[in-house]
Amino acid sequence: MPRREGMERKDLLKANVAIFKSQGAALEKYAKKTAKVLVVGNTNCLIAAMSAPSIPKENFSCLTRLDHNRARSRVAIRCGVPATNVKNIIIWGNHSSTQYPDVHHCLVNISGSELACFDAVKDDAWLKGDFIATVKQRGTAKCRKLSSAMSAAKAICDHMRDIWSGTPQDEFTSMGVYSSGNSYGVPADLIYSFPIQIKDKNWTIVDGLAINDFSRSRMDATAAELIEERDMAVSFLGYD
């Protein structure tokens, strides 16, 4: 069920849990155990994975590449460079309005020199304010009065291409993946968006990045929403 004007993602959860339970059950029955499964939303992805227990949870991912592309383009426009000159933006957490677009590790190539994003943009207030708000709320924009279409399709192509071909050396992308509870203090048993590198069709979380207090609070807030969504979905489905 697509989101319509004025709806938040949680409004859709009860309707969508049954859909993704059935999709997961079909994967469990018919799909190869090596299948790679992409679902747009984090909790819908988790429901599908829970409903296909013989397929590794690491084979499921969700589409924060859409938000990643939006954030990358906003920085590129601000700096007057192509989006390909911007790398290592991170979308943390949920594909929702609680997500955190993080540019503290982002680099921007300007005239052949790579600059830290804050040095390239030279407007800390914008990067910590309007930039974050615009990326977070882009999915509720009223251009179509429906969920995104072409930009989502482009993000799906980008996401699957990276799974197939890998990420460039020294670059990472954003993907919602299964949390084991061992990275950045994110609780286990969530599909949470992390900085990701991919090689040989397998993803790994880029660990060890410095996290300041500004980022920490936003990462925790989006994790809290995902816990709430997960627990609500489990109650709808009757899972333990």
C-alpha atoms as a PDB file:
ATOM      1  CA  MET A   1       0.000   0.000   0.000  1.00  0.00           C
ATOM      2  CA  PRO A   2       1.625   3.290  -1.055  1.00  0.00           C
ATOM      3  CA  ARG A   3       1.767   6.331   1.171  1.00  0.00           C
ATOM      4  CA  ARG A   4      -0.686   9.056   0.238  1.00  0.00           C
ATOM      5  CA  GLU A   5      -0.707  12.754   1.042  1.00  0.00           C
ATOM      6  CA  GLY A   6      -0.727  13.452   4.774  1.00  0.00           C
ATOM      7  CA  MET A   7       0.196   9.896   5.758  1.00  0.00           C
ATOM      8  CA  GLU A   8       3.217   8.897   7.824  1.00  0.00           C
ATOM      9  CA  ARG A   9       4.887   5.525   7.356  1.00  0.00           C
ATOM     10  CA  LYS A  10       3.524   4.177  10.642  1.00  0.00           C
ATOM     11  CA  ASP A  11      -0.005   4.764   9.314  1.00  0.00           C
ATOM     12  CA  LEU A  12       0.686   2.099   6.706  1.00  0.00           C
ATOM     13  CA  LEU A  13       2.237  -0.486   8.982  1.00  0.00           C
ATOM     14  CA  LYS A  14      -0.852  -2.482   9.883  1.00  0.00           C
ATOM     15  CA  ALA A  15      -1.927  -2.771   6.238  1.00  0.00           C
ATOM     16  CA  ASN A  16       1.526  -3.663   5.009  1.00  0.00           C
ATOM     17  CA  VAL A  17       2.512  -6.301   7.557  1.00  0.00           C
ATOM     18  CA  ALA A  18       0.162  -8.861   6.016  1.00  0.00           C
ATOM     19  CA  ILE A  19       1.493  -8.087   2.538  1.00  0.00           C
ATOM     20  CA  PHE A  20       5.115  -8.585   3.507  1.00  0.00           C
ATOM     21  CA  LYS A  21       4.392 -11.649   5.603  1.00  0.00           C
ATOM     22  CA  SER A  22       2.896 -13.291   2.525  1.00  0.00           C
ATOM     23  CA  GLN A  23       5.792 -12.158   0.331  1.00  0.00           C
ATOM     24  CA  GLY A  24       8.275 -13.579   2.826  1.00  0.00           C
ATOM     25  CA  ALA A  25       6.337 -16.848   2.964  1.00  0.00           C
ATOM     26  CA  ALA A  26       6.481 -17.091  -0.835  1.00  0.00           C
ATOM     27  CA  LEU A  27      10.243 -16.499  -0.773  1.00  0.00           C
ATOM     28  CA  GLU A  28      10.596 -19.145   1.915  1.00  0.00           C
ATOM     29  CA  LYS A  29       8.729 -21.670  -0.205  1.00  0.00           C
ATOM     30  CA  TYR A  30      10.040 -20.934  -3.693  1.00  0.00           C
ATOM     31  CA  ALA A  31      13.180 -18.761  -3.724  1.00  0.00           C
ATOM     32  CA  LYS A  32      16.778 -19.901  -3.757  1.00  0.00           C
ATOM     33  CA  LYS A  33      18.426 -19.442  -0.384  1.00  0.00           C
ATOM     34  CA  THR A  34      21.024 -17.250  -2.109  1.00  0.00           C
ATOM     35  CA  ALA A  35      18.392 -14.755  -3.288  1.00  0.00           C
ATOM     36  CA  LYS A  36      19.060 -11.073  -2.622  1.00  0.00           C
ATOM     37  CA  VAL A  37      15.884  -9.293  -1.540  1.00  0.00           C
ATOM     38  CA  LEU A  38      15.358  -5.523  -1.640  1.00  0.00           C
ATOM     39  CA  VAL A  39      12.362  -3.969   0.139  1.00  0.00           C
ATOM     40  CA  VAL A  40      11.785  -0.206   0.188  1.00  0.00           C
ATOM     41  CA  GLY A  41      10.921   0.193   3.895  1.00  0.00           C
ATOM     42  CA  ASN A  42      12.950  -0.980   6.897  1.00  0.00           C
ATOM     43  CA  THR A  43      10.226  -2.672   8.920  1.00  0.00           C
ATOM     44  CA  ASN A  44       8.547  -4.172   5.850  1.00  0.00           C
ATOM     45  CA  CYS A  45      11.961  -5.618   5.011  1.00  0.00           C
ATOM     46  CA  LEU A  46      12.281  -7.045   8.521  1.00  0.00           C
ATOM     47  CA  ILE A  47       8.811  -8.644   8.278  1.00  0.00           C
ATOM     48  CA  ALA A  48       9.738 -10.284   4.968  1.00  0.00           C
ATOM     49  CA  ALA A  49      12.993 -11.584   6.451  1.00  0.00           C
ATOM     50  CA  MET A  50      11.228 -12.924   9.555  1.00  0.00           C
ATOM     51  CA  SER A  51       8.762 -14.714   7.278  1.00  0.00           C
ATOM     52  CA  ALA A  52      11.539 -16.411   5.265  1.00  0.00           C
ATOM     53  CA  PRO A  53      13.682 -17.869   8.064  1.00  0.00           C
ATOM     54  CA  SER A  54      15.739 -20.181   5.851  1.00  0.00           C
ATOM     55  CA  ILE A  55      17.090 -17.260   3.786  1.00  0.00           C
ATOM     56  CA  PRO A  56      19.952 -15.496   5.605  1.00  0.00           C
ATOM     57  CA  LYS A  57      18.876 -12.158   7.050  1.00  0.00           C
ATOM     58  CA  GLU A  58      22.014 -10.663   5.506  1.00  0.00           C
ATOM     59  CA  ASN A  59      20.385 -11.250   2.088  1.00  0.00           C
ATOM     60  CA  PHE A  60      17.659  -8.696   2.867  1.00  0.00           C
ATOM     61  CA  SER A  61      18.189  -4.949   2.540  1.00  0.00           C
ATOM     62  CA  CYS A  62      16.088  -1.798   2.348  1.00  0.00           C
ATOM     63  CA  LEU A  63      16.224   1.295   0.181  1.00  0.00           C
ATOM     64  CA  THR A  64      17.882   4.197   1.968  1.00  0.00           C
ATOM     65  CA  ARG A  65      19.791   4.729  -1.274  1.00  0.00           C
ATOM     66  CA  LEU A  66      16.863   6.959  -2.247  1.00  0.00           C
ATOM     67  CA  ASP A  67      17.610   9.248   0.708  1.00  0.00           C
ATOM     68  CA  HIS A  68      21.361   8.923   0.064  1.00  0.00           C
ATOM     69  CA  ASN A  69      20.893  10.139  -3.520  1.00  0.00           C
ATOM     70  CA  ARG A  70      18.748  13.050  -2.354  1.00  0.00           C
ATOM     71  CA  ALA A  71      21.338  14.114   0.215  1.00  0.00           C
ATOM     72  CA  ARG A  72      24.181  13.773  -2.261  1.00  0.00           C
ATOM     73  CA  SER A  73      22.398  15.921  -4.837  1.00  0.00           C
ATOM     74  CA  ARG A  74      21.609  18.644  -2.279  1.00  0.00           C
ATOM     75  CA  VAL A  75      25.285  18.957  -1.325  1.00  0.00           C
ATOM     76  CA  ALA A  76      26.347  18.883  -4.995  1.00  0.00           C
ATOM     77  CA  ILE A  77      23.927  21.654  -5.940  1.00  0.00           C
ATOM     78  CA  ARG A  78      25.079  23.753  -2.990  1.00  0.00           C
ATOM     79  CA  CYS A  79      28.721  23.366  -4.058  1.00  0.00           C
ATOM     80  CA  GLY A  80      28.096  23.735  -7.795  1.00  0.00           C
ATOM     81  CA  VAL A  81      29.540  20.316  -8.700  1.00  0.00           C
ATOM     82  CA  PRO A  82      28.125  17.094 -10.177  1.00  0.00           C
ATOM     83  CA  ALA A  83      26.702  14.573  -7.718  1.00  0.00           C
ATOM     84  CA  THR A  84      29.512  12.196  -8.686  1.00  0.00           C
ATOM     85  CA  ASN A  85      31.921  14.636  -6.960  1.00  0.00           C
ATOM     86  CA  VAL A  86      30.250  13.985  -3.593  1.00  0.00           C
ATOM     87  CA  LYS A  87      30.990  10.780  -1.693  1.00  0.00           C
ATOM     88  CA  ASN A  88      30.547   9.109   1.687  1.00  0.00           C
ATOM     89  CA  ILE A  89      27.329  10.705   2.778  1.00  0.00           C
ATOM     90  CA  ILE A  90      25.585   8.455   5.325  1.00  0.00           C
ATOM     91  CA  ILE A  91      21.889   7.896   5.916  1.00  0.00           C
ATOM     92  CA  TRP A  92      21.485   6.450   9.411  1.00  0.00           C
ATOM     93  CA  GLY A  93      18.414   4.564  10.552  1.00  0.00           C
ATOM     94  CA  ASN A  94      14.930   4.483   9.109  1.00  0.00           C
ATOM     95  CA  HIS A  95      13.650   5.343   5.633  1.00  0.00           C
ATOM     96  CA  SER A  96      11.297   7.815   7.303  1.00  0.00           C
ATOM     97  CA  SER A  97      11.221  11.332   8.694  1.00  0.00           C
ATOM     98  CA  THR A  98      13.431  10.261  11.628  1.00  0.00           C
ATOM     99  CA  GLN A  99      16.351   9.302   9.386  1.00  0.00           C
ATOM    100  CA  TYR A 100      19.624  11.136   9.911  1.00  0.00           C
ATOM    101  CA  PRO A 101      21.498  12.367   6.801  1.00  0.00           C
ATOM    102  CA  ASP A 102      25.094  12.700   8.054  1.00  0.00           C
ATOM    103  CA  VAL A 103      27.803  14.646   6.191  1.00  0.00           C
ATOM    104  CA  HIS A 104      30.505  14.542   8.878  1.00  0.00           C
ATOM    105  CA  HIS A 105      32.453  11.965   6.821  1.00  0.00           C
ATOM    106  CA  CYS A 106      31.441  13.291   3.403  1.00  0.00           C
ATOM    107  CA  LEU A 107      34.045  14.525   0.911  1.00  0.00           C
ATOM    108  CA  VAL A 108      33.435  16.912  -1.999  1.00  0.00           C
ATOM    109  CA  ASN A 109      35.750  17.135  -5.003  1.00  0.00           C
ATOM    110  CA  ILE A 110      36.092  20.752  -6.062  1.00  0.00           C
ATOM    111  CA  SER A 111      38.508  21.531  -8.903  1.00  0.00           C
ATOM    112  CA  GLY A 112      40.394  18.294  -8.297  1.00  0.00           C
ATOM    113  CA  SER A 113      40.778  18.698  -4.530  1.00  0.00           C
ATOM    114  CA  GLU A 114      38.790  16.686  -2.008  1.00  0.00           C
ATOM    115  CA  LEU A 115      37.432  18.819   0.813  1.00  0.00           C
ATOM    116  CA  ALA A 116      35.498  17.861   3.892  1.00  0.00           C
ATOM    117  CA  CYS A 117      31.828  18.670   3.285  1.00  0.00           C
ATOM    118  CA  PHE A 118      31.713  21.349   5.978  1.00  0.00           C
ATOM    119  CA  ASP A 119      34.730  23.073   4.390  1.00  0.00           C
ATOM    120  CA  ALA A 120      33.267  22.798   0.898  1.00  0.00           C
ATOM    121  CA  VAL A 121      29.797  24.091   1.774  1.00  0.00           C
ATOM    122  CA  LYS A 122      30.989  26.721   4.292  1.00  0.00           C
ATOM    123  CA  ASP A 123      27.603  26.962   5.934  1.00  0.00           C
ATOM    124  CA  ASP A 124      27.369  24.844   9.080  1.00  0.00           C
ATOM    125  CA  ALA A 125      23.916  26.172   9.959  1.00  0.00           C
ATOM    126  CA  TRP A 126      22.502  24.987   6.620  1.00  0.00           C
ATOM    127  CA  LEU A 127      24.139  21.551   6.908  1.00  0.00           C
ATOM    128  CA  LYS A 128      22.765  21.044  10.417  1.00  0.00           C
ATOM    129  CA  GLY A 129      19.386  22.581   9.677  1.00  0.00           C
ATOM    130  CA  ASP A 130      17.672  22.998   6.316  1.00  0.00           C
ATOM    131  CA  PHE A 131      19.752  20.311   4.599  1.00  0.00           C
ATOM    132  CA  ILE A 132      18.749  17.630   7.099  1.00  0.00           C
ATOM    133  CA  ALA A 133      15.122  18.746   7.199  1.00  0.00           C
ATOM    134  CA  THR A 134      14.799  18.784   3.401  1.00  0.00           C
ATOM    135  CA  VAL A 135      16.248  15.302   2.932  1.00  0.00           C
ATOM    136  CA  LYS A 136      14.199  13.836   5.794  1.00  0.00           C
ATOM    137  CA  GLN A 137      10.927  15.311   4.543  1.00  0.00           C
ATOM    138  CA  ARG A 138      11.422  14.808   0.801  1.00  0.00           C
ATOM    139  CA  GLY A 139       9.218  11.708   0.827  1.00  0.00           C
ATOM    140  CA  THR A 140       6.236  13.778   2.002  1.00  0.00           C
ATOM    141  CA  ALA A 141       6.637  16.459  -0.690  1.00  0.00           C
ATOM    142  CA  LYS A 142       3.402  17.151  -2.539  1.00  0.00           C
ATOM    143  CA  CYS A 143       4.720  16.987  -6.093  1.00  0.00           C
ATOM    144  CA  ARG A 144       2.708  13.852  -6.962  1.00  0.00           C
ATOM    145  CA  LYS A 145       0.594  13.426  -3.793  1.00  0.00           C
ATOM    146  CA  LEU A 146       1.954   9.865  -3.810  1.00  0.00           C
ATOM    147  CA  SER A 147       5.203   8.111  -2.950  1.00  0.00           C
ATOM    148  CA  SER A 148       8.225   8.730  -5.166  1.00  0.00           C
ATOM    149  CA  ALA A 149       8.338   6.950  -8.524  1.00  0.00           C
ATOM    150  CA  MET A 150      11.234   7.665 -10.896  1.00  0.00           C
ATOM    151  CA  SER A 151      13.685   8.683  -8.161  1.00  0.00           C
ATOM    152  CA  ALA A 152      12.853   5.486  -6.271  1.00  0.00           C
ATOM    153  CA  ALA A 153      13.348   3.403  -9.427  1.00  0.00           C
ATOM    154  CA  LYS A 154      16.737   5.065 -10.001  1.00  0.00           C
ATOM    155  CA  ALA A 155      17.737   4.350  -6.397  1.00  0.00           C
ATOM    156  CA  ILE A 156      16.729   0.694  -6.777  1.00  0.00           C
ATOM    157  CA  CYS A 157      18.961   0.419  -9.855  1.00  0.00           C
ATOM    158  CA  ASP A 158      21.854   2.066  -7.981  1.00  0.00           C
ATOM    159  CA  HIS A 159      21.367  -0.196  -4.944  1.00  0.00           C
ATOM    160  CA  MET A 160      21.265  -3.423  -6.957  1.00  0.00           C
ATOM    161  CA  ARG A 161      24.167  -2.364  -9.179  1.00  0.00           C
ATOM    162  CA  ASP A 162      26.325  -1.863  -6.090  1.00  0.00           C
ATOM    163  CA  ILE A 163      25.320  -5.271  -4.705  1.00  0.00           C
ATOM    164  CA  TRP A 164      26.286  -6.829  -8.040  1.00  0.00           C
ATOM    165  CA  SER A 165      29.428  -4.817  -8.828  1.00  0.00           C
ATOM    166  CA  GLY A 166      30.594  -3.594  -5.408  1.00  0.00           C
ATOM    167  CA  THR A 167      31.322  -0.128  -4.101  1.00  0.00           C
ATOM    168  CA  PRO A 168      34.349   1.858  -5.321  1.00  0.00           C
ATOM    169  CA  GLN A 169      37.568   1.727  -3.333  1.00  0.00           C
ATOM    170  CA  ASP A 170      37.473   4.010  -0.269  1.00  0.00           C
ATOM    171  CA  GLU A 171      33.795   4.833  -0.811  1.00  0.00           C
ATOM    172  CA  PHE A 172      30.696   3.702   0.983  1.00  0.00           C
ATOM    173  CA  THR A 173      26.990   3.911   0.358  1.00  0.00           C
ATOM    174  CA  SER A 174      23.874   3.765   2.545  1.00  0.00           C
ATOM    175  CA  MET A 175      21.778   0.614   2.883  1.00  0.00           C
ATOM    176  CA  GLY A 176      19.293  -0.617   5.424  1.00  0.00           C
ATOM    177  CA  VAL A 177      20.670  -3.967   6.624  1.00  0.00           C
ATOM    178  CA  TYR A 178      20.167  -6.367   9.499  1.00  0.00           C
ATOM    179  CA  SER A 179      21.729  -5.158  12.743  1.00  0.00           C
ATOM    180  CA  SER A 180      23.476  -7.752  14.893  1.00  0.00           C
ATOM    181  CA  GLY A 181      23.820  -5.217  17.710  1.00  0.00           C
ATOM    182  CA  ASN A 182      27.584  -4.907  17.253  1.00  0.00           C
ATOM    183  CA  SER A 183      27.881  -1.618  15.330  1.00  0.00           C
ATOM    184  CA  TYR A 184      27.472   1.967  16.545  1.00  0.00           C
ATOM    185  CA  GLY A 185      25.314   0.976  19.505  1.00  0.00           C
ATOM    186  CA  VAL A 186      22.364   0.094  17.271  1.00  0.00           C
ATOM    187  CA  PRO A 187      20.180  -2.605  18.867  1.00  0.00           C
ATOM    188  CA  ALA A 188      19.984  -6.072  17.317  1.00  0.00           C
ATOM    189  CA  ASP A 189      17.083  -7.348  15.231  1.00  0.00           C
ATOM    190  CA  LEU A 190      16.410  -4.143  13.324  1.00  0.00           C
ATOM    191  CA  ILE A 191      16.850  -3.281   9.671  1.00  0.00           C
ATOM    192  CA  TYR A 192      18.851  -0.080  10.125  1.00  0.00           C
ATOM    193  CA  SER A 193      20.691   2.031   7.570  1.00  0.00           C
ATOM    194  CA  PHE A 194      24.472   2.125   7.995  1.00  0.00           C
ATOM    195  CA  PRO A 195      27.479   3.163   5.909  1.00  0.00           C
ATOM    196  CA  ILE A 196      28.114   0.088   3.773  1.00  0.00           C
ATOM    197  CA  GLN A 197      30.910  -1.251   1.588  1.00  0.00           C
ATOM    198  CA  ILE A 198      30.229  -4.134  -0.793  1.00  0.00           C
ATOM    199  CA  LYS A 199      32.647  -6.664  -2.279  1.00  0.00           C
ATOM    200  CA  ASP A 200      31.940  -9.995  -3.973  1.00  0.00           C
ATOM    201  CA  LYS A 201      28.177  -9.376  -3.522  1.00  0.00           C
ATOM    202  CA  ASN A 202      28.529  -9.251   0.266  1.00  0.00           C
ATOM    203  CA  TRP A 203      28.077  -6.125   2.351  1.00  0.00           C
ATOM    204  CA  THR A 204      29.962  -5.037   5.439  1.00  0.00           C
ATOM    205  CA  ILE A 205      29.265  -2.145   7.771  1.00  0.00           C
ATOM    206  CA  VAL A 206      31.985   0.514   7.779  1.00  0.00           C
ATOM    207  CA  ASP A 207      32.887   0.463  11.464  1.00  0.00           C
ATOM    208  CA  GLY A 208      35.048   2.821  13.476  1.00  0.00           C
ATOM    209  CA  LEU A 209      33.795   6.171  12.189  1.00  0.00           C
ATOM    210  CA  ALA A 210      33.863   8.930  14.791  1.00  0.00           C
ATOM    211  CA  ILE A 211      30.385   9.833  16.056  1.00  0.00           C
ATOM    212  CA  ASN A 212      29.855  13.165  17.791  1.00  0.00           C
ATOM    213  CA  ASP A 213      27.044  14.062  20.192  1.00  0.00           C
ATOM    214  CA  PHE A 214      25.038  15.797  17.438  1.00  0.00           C
ATOM    215  CA  SER A 215      25.014  12.584  15.393  1.00  0.00           C
ATOM    216  CA  ARG A 216      24.560  10.237  18.336  1.00  0.00           C
ATOM    217  CA  SER A 217      21.267  11.736  19.454  1.00  0.00           C
ATOM    218  CA  ARG A 218      19.814  11.543  15.946  1.00  0.00           C
ATOM    219  CA  MET A 219      21.024   7.975  15.396  1.00  0.00           C
ATOM    220  CA  ASP A 220      19.403   6.929  18.669  1.00  0.00           C
ATOM    221  CA  ALA A 221      16.117   8.676  17.820  1.00  0.00           C
ATOM    222  CA  THR A 222      15.698   6.844  14.520  1.00  0.00           C
ATOM    223  CA  ALA A 223      16.614   3.532  16.212  1.00  0.00           C
ATOM    224  CA  ALA A 224      13.888   4.166  18.784  1.00  0.00           C
ATOM    225  CA  GLU A 225      11.326   4.574  16.016  1.00  0.00           C
ATOM    226  CA  LEU A 226      12.451   1.329  14.389  1.00  0.00           C
ATOM    227  CA  ILE A 227      12.113  -0.518  17.707  1.00  0.00           C
ATOM    228  CA  GLU A 228       8.573   0.846  18.050  1.00  0.00           C
ATOM    229  CA  GLU A 229       7.704  -0.177  14.468  1.00  0.00           C
ATOM    230  CA  ARG A 230       9.213  -3.652  14.921  1.00  0.00           C
ATOM    231  CA  ASP A 231       7.349  -4.286  18.146  1.00  0.00           C
ATOM    232  CA  MET A 232       4.079  -3.060  16.626  1.00  0.00           C
ATOM    233  CA  ALA A 233       4.568  -5.278  13.566  1.00  0.00           C
ATOM    234  CA  VAL A 234       5.311  -8.303  15.726  1.00  0.00           C
ATOM    235  CA  SER A 235       2.125  -7.698  17.698  1.00  0.00           C
ATOM    236  CA  PHE A 236       0.066  -7.449  14.486  1.00  0.00           C
ATOM    237  CA  LEU A 237       1.534 -10.716  13.193  1.00  0.00           C
ATOM    238  CA  GLY A 238       1.443 -12.619  16.464  1.00  0.00           C
ATOM    239  CA  TYR A 239       5.172 -13.414  16.313  1.00  0.00           C
ATOM    240  CA  ASP A 240       7.185 -13.908  19.515  1.00  0.00           C
END
